C-alpha cells in the first residue's frame, strides 16, 4: 500500500514539474490546471481509501482514483507540448495506475460479501 501511495505522489510531482516547463499560453493554462488537479487527486483519493471506513468506502475511493487517472490521460492528450516523449511517458504512467486500481477494485468486489435480504415468508 505504501509503495502505491509513493508512486501516486511521484506521479503528481512529475506532472507538476512537466507543467512547469511546457508553454503557458491561453489554451494550455486551462489544461494545466485540470491535469494538475486530476493527477494529484489520484493519490489523495487513494489515501482516503486507506482510512479503513469500510470496504464499500474503500472501493468508492479506489474508483475515484481510477477515474482521475483516466481523466489525467485525457488532459495530457490536450496539452500542446514540444516534447511528446515526456507527455507520453506520463500518459503511460496514468494508464498503469488506472490498471492497478482496476485490479484492486476487481479483487475487492469479488471478496465483498453482500448479505442476502430477508424475505418474509
N, C-alpha and C. Protein backbone atom coordinates (compact mmCIF):
# COMPACT_ATOMS: atom_id res chain seq x y z
N UNK A 1 0.82 -1.20 0.00
CA UNK A 1 0.00 0.00 0.00
C UNK A 1 0.87 1.26 0.00
N UNK A 2 1.90 1.28 0.82
CA UNK A 2 2.78 2.44 0.90
C UNK A 2 3.49 2.68 -0.43
N UNK A 3 3.83 1.59 -1.12
CA UNK A 3 4.51 1.70 -2.40
C UNK A 3 3.62 2.39 -3.44
N UNK A 4 2.35 2.02 -3.47
CA UNK A 4 1.42 2.64 -4.43
C UNK A 4 1.17 4.10 -4.06
N UNK A 5 1.08 4.39 -2.79
CA UNK A 5 0.92 5.77 -2.35
C UNK A 5 2.12 6.62 -2.80
N UNK A 6 3.31 6.09 -2.64
CA UNK A 6 4.52 6.79 -3.08
C UNK A 6 4.54 6.97 -4.59
N UNK A 7 4.09 5.96 -5.30
CA UNK A 7 4.05 6.03 -6.76
C UNK A 7 3.07 7.11 -7.22
N UNK A 8 1.93 7.20 -6.55
CA UNK A 8 0.94 8.23 -6.89
C UNK A 8 1.50 9.63 -6.61
N UNK A 9 2.21 9.77 -5.50
CA UNK A 9 2.82 11.05 -5.16
C UNK A 9 3.88 11.44 -6.18
N UNK A 10 4.73 10.49 -6.53
CA UNK A 10 5.76 10.76 -7.54
C UNK A 10 5.12 11.17 -8.87
N UNK A 11 4.05 10.50 -9.23
CA UNK A 11 3.36 10.83 -10.48
C UNK A 11 2.83 12.27 -10.45
N UNK A 12 2.20 12.65 -9.36
CA UNK A 12 1.66 14.01 -9.24
C UNK A 12 2.79 15.04 -9.32
N UNK A 13 3.91 14.76 -8.68
CA UNK A 13 5.06 15.67 -8.72
C UNK A 13 5.62 15.74 -10.14
N UNK A 14 5.71 14.59 -10.81
CA UNK A 14 6.22 14.57 -12.19
C UNK A 14 5.31 15.38 -13.13
N UNK A 15 4.00 15.25 -12.94
CA UNK A 15 3.06 16.02 -13.77
C UNK A 15 3.22 17.51 -13.49
N UNK A 16 3.32 17.86 -12.21
CA UNK A 16 3.52 19.26 -11.84
C UNK A 16 4.79 19.83 -12.47
N UNK A 17 5.89 19.08 -12.36
CA UNK A 17 7.16 19.54 -12.92
C UNK A 17 7.09 19.65 -14.44
N UNK A 18 6.40 18.72 -15.07
CA UNK A 18 6.22 18.77 -16.52
C UNK A 18 5.45 20.03 -16.91
N UNK A 19 4.42 20.34 -16.14
CA UNK A 19 3.59 21.52 -16.45
C UNK A 19 4.36 22.82 -16.26
N UNK A 20 5.37 22.80 -15.43
CA UNK A 20 6.19 24.00 -15.24
C UNK A 20 7.00 24.34 -16.49
N UNK A 21 7.35 23.33 -17.29
CA UNK A 21 8.26 23.57 -18.41
C UNK A 21 7.57 23.69 -19.76
N UNK A 22 6.28 23.39 -19.83
CA UNK A 22 5.61 23.50 -21.13
C UNK A 22 5.13 24.93 -21.36
N UNK A 23 4.78 25.21 -22.58
CA UNK A 23 4.34 26.55 -22.97
C UNK A 23 3.07 26.93 -22.20
N UNK A 24 3.08 28.10 -21.60
CA UNK A 24 1.93 28.60 -20.82
C UNK A 24 1.15 29.61 -21.64
N UNK A 25 0.47 29.13 -22.67
CA UNK A 25 -0.38 30.01 -23.46
C UNK A 25 -1.81 29.92 -22.95
N UNK A 26 -2.70 30.64 -23.56
CA UNK A 26 -4.09 30.72 -23.11
C UNK A 26 -4.75 29.35 -23.05
N UNK A 27 -4.52 28.53 -24.05
CA UNK A 27 -5.13 27.21 -24.10
C UNK A 27 -4.52 26.29 -23.05
N UNK A 28 -3.21 26.21 -23.03
CA UNK A 28 -2.56 25.30 -22.10
C UNK A 28 -2.84 25.61 -20.64
N UNK A 29 -3.02 26.88 -20.30
CA UNK A 29 -3.27 27.23 -18.90
C UNK A 29 -4.50 26.52 -18.35
N UNK A 30 -5.52 26.42 -19.15
CA UNK A 30 -6.75 25.72 -18.72
C UNK A 30 -6.46 24.25 -18.50
N UNK A 31 -5.76 23.64 -19.44
CA UNK A 31 -5.45 22.21 -19.36
C UNK A 31 -4.46 21.91 -18.24
N UNK A 32 -3.52 22.82 -18.03
CA UNK A 32 -2.53 22.63 -16.96
C UNK A 32 -3.24 22.55 -15.61
N UNK A 33 -4.17 23.48 -15.37
CA UNK A 33 -4.90 23.46 -14.10
C UNK A 33 -5.65 22.14 -13.93
N UNK A 34 -6.27 21.67 -14.98
CA UNK A 34 -7.06 20.44 -14.91
C UNK A 34 -6.16 19.22 -14.67
N UNK A 35 -5.05 19.14 -15.41
CA UNK A 35 -4.20 17.96 -15.29
C UNK A 35 -3.51 17.91 -13.92
N UNK A 36 -3.19 19.07 -13.38
CA UNK A 36 -2.60 19.09 -12.03
C UNK A 36 -3.62 18.64 -11.00
N UNK A 37 -4.85 19.10 -11.15
CA UNK A 37 -5.91 18.68 -10.21
C UNK A 37 -6.16 17.17 -10.29
N UNK A 38 -6.33 16.67 -11.50
CA UNK A 38 -6.67 15.24 -11.63
C UNK A 38 -5.50 14.34 -11.23
N UNK A 39 -4.28 14.72 -11.59
CA UNK A 39 -3.14 13.87 -11.25
C UNK A 39 -2.89 13.83 -9.74
N UNK A 40 -3.10 14.94 -9.06
CA UNK A 40 -2.90 14.94 -7.61
C UNK A 40 -4.07 14.29 -6.87
N UNK A 41 -5.22 14.27 -7.50
CA UNK A 41 -6.39 13.64 -6.89
C UNK A 41 -6.28 12.12 -6.85
N UNK A 42 -5.49 11.56 -7.74
CA UNK A 42 -5.31 10.10 -7.75
C UNK A 42 -4.79 9.65 -6.38
N UNK A 43 -3.69 10.22 -5.95
CA UNK A 43 -3.09 9.84 -4.67
C UNK A 43 -3.91 10.27 -3.48
N UNK A 44 -4.53 11.45 -3.57
CA UNK A 44 -5.34 11.93 -2.45
C UNK A 44 -6.50 10.98 -2.17
N UNK A 45 -7.15 10.50 -3.22
CA UNK A 45 -8.25 9.56 -3.03
C UNK A 45 -7.76 8.19 -2.59
N UNK A 46 -6.57 7.82 -3.02
CA UNK A 46 -6.01 6.55 -2.55
C UNK A 46 -5.73 6.62 -1.05
N UNK A 47 -5.23 7.76 -0.59
CA UNK A 47 -5.01 7.94 0.86
C UNK A 47 -6.34 7.84 1.60
N UNK A 48 -7.36 8.49 1.07
CA UNK A 48 -8.70 8.41 1.67
C UNK A 48 -9.21 6.97 1.70
N UNK A 49 -8.93 6.23 0.65
CA UNK A 49 -9.39 4.84 0.57
C UNK A 49 -8.80 4.00 1.69
N UNK A 50 -7.61 4.33 2.11
CA UNK A 50 -6.92 3.53 3.13
C UNK A 50 -7.27 3.94 4.56
N UNK A 51 -8.27 4.76 4.74
CA UNK A 51 -8.67 5.21 6.07
C UNK A 51 -9.53 4.18 6.83
N UNK A 52 -9.78 3.06 6.23
CA UNK A 52 -10.49 1.95 6.88
C UNK A 52 -11.89 2.33 7.38
N UNK A 53 -12.67 2.94 6.48
CA UNK A 53 -14.04 3.30 6.81
C UNK A 53 -15.04 2.27 6.28
N UNK A 54 -14.53 1.13 5.89
CA UNK A 54 -15.38 0.07 5.37
C UNK A 54 -15.00 -0.26 3.94
N UNK A 55 -15.36 -1.47 3.53
CA UNK A 55 -14.98 -1.92 2.20
C UNK A 55 -15.65 -1.14 1.08
N UNK A 56 -16.89 -0.76 1.28
CA UNK A 56 -17.58 -0.02 0.22
C UNK A 56 -16.98 1.38 0.05
N UNK A 57 -16.59 2.01 1.15
CA UNK A 57 -15.93 3.31 1.07
C UNK A 57 -14.56 3.14 0.39
N UNK A 58 -13.86 2.08 0.72
CA UNK A 58 -12.58 1.77 0.10
C UNK A 58 -12.74 1.65 -1.41
N UNK A 59 -13.71 0.86 -1.84
CA UNK A 59 -13.95 0.65 -3.27
C UNK A 59 -14.33 1.97 -3.95
N UNK A 60 -15.17 2.76 -3.30
CA UNK A 60 -15.60 4.03 -3.89
C UNK A 60 -14.39 4.95 -4.15
N UNK A 61 -13.52 5.09 -3.15
CA UNK A 61 -12.36 5.97 -3.31
C UNK A 61 -11.36 5.40 -4.33
N UNK A 62 -11.25 4.10 -4.40
CA UNK A 62 -10.39 3.49 -5.42
C UNK A 62 -10.95 3.76 -6.81
N UNK A 63 -12.25 3.72 -6.93
CA UNK A 63 -12.88 4.02 -8.23
C UNK A 63 -12.66 5.48 -8.61
N UNK A 64 -12.68 6.36 -7.63
CA UNK A 64 -12.40 7.77 -7.91
C UNK A 64 -10.95 7.93 -8.36
N UNK A 65 -10.03 7.23 -7.70
CA UNK A 65 -8.62 7.28 -8.11
C UNK A 65 -8.48 6.79 -9.55
N UNK A 66 -9.16 5.71 -9.87
CA UNK A 66 -9.11 5.18 -11.23
C UNK A 66 -9.67 6.20 -12.23
N UNK A 67 -10.79 6.81 -11.88
CA UNK A 67 -11.41 7.82 -12.74
C UNK A 67 -10.47 9.00 -12.95
N UNK A 68 -9.81 9.43 -11.91
CA UNK A 68 -8.88 10.56 -12.01
C UNK A 68 -7.67 10.21 -12.88
N UNK A 69 -7.24 8.95 -12.84
CA UNK A 69 -6.13 8.52 -13.71
C UNK A 69 -6.56 8.61 -15.17
N UNK A 70 -7.78 8.18 -15.45
CA UNK A 70 -8.29 8.28 -16.83
C UNK A 70 -8.42 9.73 -17.25
N UNK A 71 -8.90 10.56 -16.35
CA UNK A 71 -9.06 11.98 -16.65
C UNK A 71 -7.70 12.64 -16.90
N UNK A 72 -6.71 12.24 -16.14
CA UNK A 72 -5.36 12.78 -16.33
C UNK A 72 -4.85 12.47 -17.73
N UNK A 73 -5.10 11.26 -18.19
CA UNK A 73 -4.70 10.90 -19.55
C UNK A 73 -5.36 11.82 -20.57
N UNK A 74 -6.60 12.12 -20.36
CA UNK A 74 -7.35 12.98 -21.26
C UNK A 74 -6.73 14.39 -21.32
N UNK A 75 -6.49 14.97 -20.14
CA UNK A 75 -5.93 16.32 -20.11
C UNK A 75 -4.51 16.34 -20.69
N UNK A 76 -3.75 15.27 -20.45
CA UNK A 76 -2.40 15.21 -21.02
C UNK A 76 -2.48 15.19 -22.54
N UNK A 77 -3.47 14.53 -23.08
CA UNK A 77 -3.64 14.47 -24.53
C UNK A 77 -3.92 15.86 -25.11
N UNK A 78 -4.62 16.69 -24.37
CA UNK A 78 -4.98 18.01 -24.86
C UNK A 78 -3.86 19.05 -24.74
N UNK A 79 -2.90 18.79 -23.87
CA UNK A 79 -1.81 19.75 -23.71
C UNK A 79 -0.98 19.84 -24.98
N UNK A 80 -0.67 21.05 -25.34
CA UNK A 80 0.18 21.28 -26.51
C UNK A 80 1.62 21.35 -26.01
N UNK A 81 2.43 20.40 -26.46
CA UNK A 81 3.81 20.35 -26.00
C UNK A 81 4.77 20.27 -27.18
N UNK A 82 6.00 20.59 -26.87
CA UNK A 82 7.06 20.44 -27.87
C UNK A 82 7.81 19.14 -27.64
N UNK A 83 7.56 18.49 -26.52
CA UNK A 83 8.24 17.25 -26.19
C UNK A 83 7.20 16.18 -25.87
N UNK A 84 6.78 15.49 -26.89
CA UNK A 84 5.75 14.46 -26.70
C UNK A 84 6.26 13.25 -25.93
N UNK A 85 7.57 13.06 -25.86
CA UNK A 85 8.12 11.92 -25.14
C UNK A 85 7.75 11.99 -23.66
N UNK A 86 7.96 13.15 -23.03
CA UNK A 86 7.60 13.30 -21.62
C UNK A 86 6.10 13.16 -21.42
N UNK A 87 5.33 13.76 -22.30
CA UNK A 87 3.87 13.70 -22.18
C UNK A 87 3.40 12.26 -22.30
N UNK A 88 3.94 11.53 -23.27
CA UNK A 88 3.54 10.13 -23.47
C UNK A 88 3.96 9.24 -22.31
N UNK A 89 5.11 9.54 -21.71
CA UNK A 89 5.56 8.78 -20.54
C UNK A 89 4.59 8.98 -19.38
N UNK A 90 4.15 10.20 -19.18
CA UNK A 90 3.19 10.49 -18.10
C UNK A 90 1.83 9.86 -18.40
N UNK A 91 1.41 9.90 -19.65
CA UNK A 91 0.14 9.25 -20.01
C UNK A 91 0.23 7.75 -19.75
N UNK A 92 1.38 7.15 -20.03
CA UNK A 92 1.57 5.71 -19.80
C UNK A 92 1.52 5.39 -18.31
N UNK A 93 2.12 6.24 -17.49
CA UNK A 93 2.07 6.02 -16.04
C UNK A 93 0.64 6.14 -15.53
N UNK A 94 -0.11 7.10 -16.05
CA UNK A 94 -1.53 7.23 -15.67
C UNK A 94 -2.29 5.96 -16.05
N UNK A 95 -1.99 5.40 -17.21
CA UNK A 95 -2.64 4.16 -17.65
C UNK A 95 -2.27 3.00 -16.73
N UNK A 96 -1.01 2.91 -16.34
CA UNK A 96 -0.58 1.84 -15.43
C UNK A 96 -1.26 1.98 -14.07
N UNK A 97 -1.36 3.20 -13.57
CA UNK A 97 -2.07 3.42 -12.30
C UNK A 97 -3.53 3.03 -12.43
N UNK A 98 -4.16 3.39 -13.55
CA UNK A 98 -5.56 3.02 -13.78
C UNK A 98 -5.72 1.50 -13.74
N UNK A 99 -4.81 0.79 -14.38
CA UNK A 99 -4.89 -0.67 -14.40
C UNK A 99 -4.68 -1.27 -13.01
N UNK A 100 -3.77 -0.69 -12.25
CA UNK A 100 -3.55 -1.17 -10.87
C UNK A 100 -4.81 -1.00 -10.05
N UNK A 101 -5.43 0.19 -10.14
CA UNK A 101 -6.66 0.43 -9.38
C UNK A 101 -7.78 -0.50 -9.85
N UNK A 102 -7.87 -0.74 -11.14
CA UNK A 102 -8.89 -1.67 -11.65
C UNK A 102 -8.70 -3.07 -11.08
N UNK A 103 -7.46 -3.52 -11.03
CA UNK A 103 -7.18 -4.86 -10.49
C UNK A 103 -7.55 -4.94 -9.01
N UNK A 104 -7.21 -3.91 -8.26
CA UNK A 104 -7.54 -3.89 -6.83
C UNK A 104 -9.06 -3.88 -6.65
N UNK A 105 -9.74 -3.04 -7.41
CA UNK A 105 -11.20 -2.94 -7.32
C UNK A 105 -11.85 -4.28 -7.66
N UNK A 106 -11.42 -4.90 -8.74
CA UNK A 106 -12.00 -6.19 -9.14
C UNK A 106 -11.82 -7.24 -8.06
N UNK A 107 -10.65 -7.29 -7.45
CA UNK A 107 -10.39 -8.26 -6.39
C UNK A 107 -11.26 -7.98 -5.17
N UNK A 108 -11.36 -6.71 -4.79
CA UNK A 108 -12.18 -6.36 -3.63
C UNK A 108 -13.65 -6.64 -3.87
N UNK A 109 -14.14 -6.31 -5.07
CA UNK A 109 -15.56 -6.52 -5.34
C UNK A 109 -15.91 -8.01 -5.34
N UNK A 110 -14.98 -8.85 -5.72
CA UNK A 110 -15.23 -10.29 -5.66
C UNK A 110 -15.29 -10.77 -4.22
N UNK A 111 -14.55 -10.11 -3.33
CA UNK A 111 -14.47 -10.54 -1.93
C UNK A 111 -15.53 -9.92 -1.03
N UNK A 112 -16.18 -8.85 -1.50
CA UNK A 112 -17.21 -8.21 -0.66
C UNK A 112 -18.43 -9.10 -0.63
N UNK A 113 -18.81 -9.45 0.57
CA UNK A 113 -19.99 -10.30 0.76
C UNK A 113 -21.21 -9.41 0.92
N UNK A 114 -22.19 -9.60 0.05
CA UNK A 114 -23.44 -8.86 0.16
C UNK A 114 -24.44 -9.77 0.87
N UNK A 115 -24.87 -9.36 2.04
CA UNK A 115 -25.78 -10.22 2.79
C UNK A 115 -27.12 -10.40 2.05
N UNK A 116 -27.64 -11.62 2.11
CA UNK A 116 -28.94 -11.89 1.49
C UNK A 116 -30.01 -11.13 2.25
N UNK A 117 -30.91 -10.52 1.49
CA UNK A 117 -32.01 -9.82 2.17
C UNK A 117 -33.01 -10.85 2.66
N UNK A 118 -33.55 -10.57 3.80
CA UNK A 118 -34.52 -11.49 4.39
C UNK A 118 -35.88 -11.21 3.76
N UNK A 119 -36.42 -12.25 3.16
CA UNK A 119 -37.73 -12.12 2.53
C UNK A 119 -38.76 -12.75 3.46
N UNK A 120 -39.78 -11.98 3.85
CA UNK A 120 -40.79 -12.55 4.74
C UNK A 120 -41.52 -13.72 4.07
N UNK A 121 -41.76 -14.72 4.87
CA UNK A 121 -42.45 -15.91 4.32
C UNK A 121 -43.92 -15.83 4.57
